[in-house]
Protein backbone atom coordinates (compact mmCIF):
# COMPACT_ATOMS: atom_id res chain seq x y z
CA MET A 1 105.90 133.36 91.03
CA ASP A 2 104.67 130.78 93.55
CA ARG A 3 101.14 131.48 94.82
CA PHE A 4 99.03 129.68 97.35
CA LEU A 5 96.63 127.37 95.58
CA ALA A 6 93.79 128.66 97.81
CA HIS A 7 94.20 132.15 96.30
CA ILE A 8 94.24 131.01 92.63
CA TRP A 9 92.15 127.84 92.42
CA ASP A 10 89.15 129.59 90.91
CA GLU A 11 91.36 131.17 88.20
CA LEU A 12 92.82 127.87 87.01
CA SER A 13 91.67 126.10 83.87
CA ASN A 14 90.35 122.56 84.08
CA ARG A 15 93.65 121.38 82.58
CA GLU A 16 95.65 123.21 85.33
CA ARG A 17 93.36 121.86 88.03
CA THR A 18 93.85 118.26 86.74
CA HIS A 19 97.65 118.79 86.69
CA VAL A 20 97.63 120.08 90.25
CA ARG A 21 95.43 117.20 91.48
CA GLU A 22 97.73 114.66 89.77
CA GLU A 23 100.88 116.18 91.28
CA CYS A 24 99.30 116.31 94.74
CA GLU A 25 98.23 112.72 94.34
CA LYS A 26 101.75 111.69 93.39
CA ALA A 27 103.18 113.45 96.42
CA ILE A 28 100.59 111.87 98.80
CA ARG A 29 101.27 108.46 97.32
CA ILE A 30 105.00 108.91 98.09
CA LEU A 31 104.23 110.14 101.60
CA ARG A 32 101.91 107.18 102.17
CA SER A 33 104.63 104.78 100.98
CA LEU A 34 106.73 106.16 103.79
CA SER A 35 103.80 105.72 106.23
CA ILE A 36 103.27 109.48 106.55
CA HIS A 37 99.88 111.18 106.78
CA VAL A 38 99.47 114.98 106.59
CA PRO A 39 96.32 115.90 108.53
CA ASP A 40 96.50 119.62 107.61
CA ALA A 41 96.43 119.13 103.84
CA GLY A 42 94.53 121.84 102.11
CA LYS A 43 94.88 124.39 99.30
CA HIS A 44 96.30 126.81 101.92
CA ASN A 45 99.31 124.49 102.14
CA VAL A 46 100.05 124.11 98.46
CA LEU A 47 102.02 126.46 96.24
CA TYR A 48 101.55 126.51 92.49
CA GLN A 49 103.79 128.28 89.97
CA ARG A 50 101.68 128.51 86.80
CA GLU A 51 104.52 129.51 84.47
CA ILE A 52 106.46 126.29 85.02
CA ARG A 53 103.57 124.10 86.47
CA THR A 54 105.37 123.42 89.71
CA VAL A 55 103.25 122.14 92.62
CA THR A 56 104.75 122.26 96.12
CA MET A 57 103.09 120.89 99.25
CA LEU A 58 103.95 122.74 102.47
CA ASP A 59 103.54 122.53 106.27
CA PHE A 60 104.58 119.11 107.31
CA GLU A 61 104.80 120.02 111.00
CA THR A 62 101.54 118.15 111.61
CA ALA A 63 102.63 115.02 109.68
CA ILE A 64 102.12 111.84 111.55
CA GLU A 65 103.03 108.19 111.11
CA CYS A 66 100.26 106.00 109.80
CA PRO A 67 99.97 102.35 108.83
CA GLN A 68 100.32 101.67 105.10
CA SER A 69 97.07 99.77 105.14
CA GLU A 70 95.07 102.74 106.31
CA ASP A 71 91.43 102.41 105.02
CA VAL A 72 91.30 105.90 103.48
CA PRO A 73 94.74 106.17 101.89
CA TYR A 74 94.20 109.53 100.25
CA ILE A 75 92.20 111.43 102.80
CA GLU A 76 94.46 114.41 102.03
CA LEU A 77 92.94 114.59 98.59
CA LEU A 78 89.53 115.01 100.15
CA SER A 79 90.91 117.84 102.24
CA LEU A 80 92.45 119.47 99.24
CA PHE A 81 89.74 119.04 96.65
CA GLY A 82 86.65 117.72 98.34
CA ASP A 83 84.52 115.37 96.26
CA HIS A 84 86.82 114.66 93.29
CA THR A 85 83.79 114.09 91.10
CA SER A 86 82.49 117.60 91.63
CA GLY A 87 85.44 119.39 90.03
CA GLY A 88 86.82 120.81 93.24
């Protein structure tokens, strides 16, 4: 069953958190390669199905075009996970 990441983040193991971060980073990298920025990125806009380890980003209605050379290419990751060195 898909569940919002915001509701289950604290229940996830470090391994699951790492997997979710990596999948979100892959998705954001693809979006950025298409010059797309999602300003409303956050755990409230990510579904995670633990049984099959599927990560799905949602809510692209706020997506905007951005230059590929944007200084902070993965600002969405900061919105999702905060300081990546703190463990989320």
